[in-house]
């Protein structure tokens, strides 16, 4: 039997803190996450057995580092981690007796982003 999950419509609300040193900016963040989580089970030869879909809450954490190469050009990298703990009873989609299936489908999302920023204008003091 295979358990699969799909996450869409992810929203993150987080607080961020950090510090600077010369041309370097380092930040850390943590907070709350929500998203639509679809959980499905299937078996070889039988196809889909059960599924469930719903909005789940979770948490997020991340870090970033940015370095000003010149006054107008900044190079950066960011890492984000999101976790949802989808604990639910799946509804049978197979033909036959309706047997509820209870599944704990933890969903982890990791993302690494590279960034190159160009600043235009100026005059900010």
Protein backbone atom coordinates (compact mmCIF):
# COMPACT_ATOMS: atom_id res chain seq x y z
CA UNK A 1 0.00 0.00 0.00
CA UNK A 2 1.23 3.50 -0.85
CA UNK A 3 0.42 6.69 1.05
CA UNK A 4 0.91 9.93 -0.90
CA UNK A 5 0.25 13.57 -0.14
CA UNK A 6 -0.02 16.82 -2.08
CA UNK A 7 0.06 20.35 -0.62
CA UNK A 8 -1.29 23.49 -2.29
CA UNK A 9 -2.30 27.02 -1.32
CA UNK A 10 0.42 27.40 1.34
CA UNK A 11 0.34 30.54 3.53
CA UNK A 12 3.14 31.44 5.96
CA UNK A 13 2.96 34.00 8.79
CA UNK A 14 6.29 34.48 10.53
CA UNK A 15 8.41 36.85 12.56
CA UNK A 16 11.96 37.64 11.54
CA UNK A 17 15.05 38.86 13.40
CA UNK A 18 18.63 39.31 12.32
CA UNK A 19 21.82 41.31 12.46
CA UNK A 20 24.28 43.02 10.17
CA UNK A 21 28.05 43.10 10.02
CA UNK A 22 29.68 45.33 7.42
CA UNK A 23 28.10 44.23 4.07
CA UNK A 24 26.44 41.09 5.50
CA UNK A 25 22.83 40.64 6.66
CA UNK A 26 21.79 37.36 8.39
CA UNK A 27 18.17 36.67 9.41
CA UNK A 28 16.19 33.89 11.07
CA UNK A 29 12.44 33.45 11.09
CA UNK A 30 9.79 31.18 12.59
CA UNK A 31 6.01 31.08 12.57
CA UNK A 32 2.74 29.47 11.58
CA UNK A 33 1.86 27.74 8.31
CA UNK A 34 -1.41 26.64 6.73
CA UNK A 35 -2.17 24.79 3.50
CA UNK A 36 -4.57 22.46 1.69
CA UNK A 37 -3.29 18.90 2.21
CA UNK A 38 -4.59 16.00 0.09
CA UNK A 39 -3.79 12.49 1.39
CA UNK A 40 -4.41 9.37 -0.72
CA UNK A 41 -3.75 5.67 -0.34
CA UNK A 42 -3.44 3.16 -3.19
CA UNK A 43 -2.39 -0.44 -3.66
CA UNK A 44 -0.72 -2.12 -6.60
CA UNK A 45 -3.33 -3.71 -8.81
CA UNK A 46 -6.25 -2.16 -6.90
CA UNK A 47 -5.73 1.55 -7.63
CA UNK A 48 -6.94 4.27 -5.26
CA UNK A 49 -8.28 2.99 -1.92
CA UNK A 50 -9.04 6.06 0.20
CA UNK A 51 -8.53 9.83 0.23
CA UNK A 52 -8.98 12.91 2.37
CA UNK A 53 -8.51 16.61 1.77
CA UNK A 54 -8.56 19.60 4.10
CA UNK A 55 -6.78 22.65 5.44
CA UNK A 56 -3.99 21.84 7.90
CA UNK A 57 -1.99 24.02 10.26
CA UNK A 58 1.72 23.59 10.86
CA UNK A 59 4.87 25.55 11.51
CA UNK A 60 7.68 27.12 9.52
CA UNK A 61 11.29 28.13 10.16
CA UNK A 62 14.01 29.51 7.97
CA UNK A 63 17.19 31.50 7.60
CA UNK A 64 18.71 33.81 5.03
CA UNK A 65 22.00 35.51 4.35
CA UNK A 66 22.59 38.48 2.07
CA UNK A 67 25.82 40.17 1.06
CA UNK A 68 26.08 43.59 -0.60
CA UNK A 69 28.62 43.14 -3.39
CA UNK A 70 28.35 46.85 -4.27
CA UNK A 71 26.00 49.65 -3.13
CA UNK A 72 23.36 48.64 -5.70
CA UNK A 73 23.88 44.84 -5.99
CA UNK A 74 23.02 42.29 -3.27
CA UNK A 75 23.57 38.52 -3.46
CA UNK A 76 21.52 36.29 -1.16
CA UNK A 77 20.37 32.78 -0.25
CA UNK A 78 17.35 31.67 1.77
CA UNK A 79 16.29 28.33 3.28
CA UNK A 80 12.68 27.59 4.33
CA UNK A 81 11.25 24.56 6.13
CA UNK A 82 7.50 23.93 6.53
CA UNK A 83 5.89 21.00 8.38
CA UNK A 84 2.26 19.87 8.40
CA UNK A 85 1.01 16.97 10.55
CA UNK A 86 -2.04 15.67 8.71
CA UNK A 87 -3.67 13.22 11.13
CA UNK A 88 -7.00 12.07 9.71
CA UNK A 89 -9.42 9.33 8.75
CA UNK A 90 -9.56 8.69 5.02
CA UNK A 91 -12.80 8.00 3.14
CA UNK A 92 -12.82 4.85 1.04
CA UNK A 93 -12.93 5.32 -2.75
CA UNK A 94 -12.69 1.62 -3.58
CA UNK A 95 -15.63 -0.60 -4.46
CA UNK A 96 -16.50 -2.87 -1.57
CA UNK A 97 -16.99 -2.46 2.17
CA UNK A 98 -16.41 1.05 3.50
CA UNK A 99 -13.63 0.59 6.01
CA UNK A 100 -12.23 3.84 7.43
CA UNK A 101 -8.47 4.17 7.20
CA UNK A 102 -6.70 6.28 9.81
CA UNK A 103 -3.43 7.82 8.57
CA UNK A 104 -0.83 10.10 10.06
CA UNK A 105 0.73 11.78 7.01
CA UNK A 106 3.42 14.23 8.09
CA UNK A 107 4.30 16.53 5.20
CA UNK A 108 7.68 18.30 5.13
CA UNK A 109 8.52 21.01 2.59
CA UNK A 110 12.04 22.34 2.14
CA UNK A 111 12.99 25.16 -0.21
CA UNK A 112 16.30 26.81 -1.05
CA UNK A 113 16.20 30.12 -2.93
CA UNK A 114 19.07 32.07 -4.49
CA UNK A 115 18.61 35.78 -4.96
CA UNK A 116 20.33 38.58 -6.87
CA UNK A 117 18.92 42.03 -6.03
CA UNK A 118 19.49 45.26 -7.94
CA UNK A 119 18.61 48.53 -6.18
CA UNK A 120 17.41 51.40 -8.38
CA UNK A 121 16.99 55.03 -7.39
CA UNK A 122 18.42 56.20 -4.14
CA UNK A 123 18.50 59.23 -1.97
CA UNK A 124 17.35 57.26 1.09
CA UNK A 125 19.11 58.48 4.20
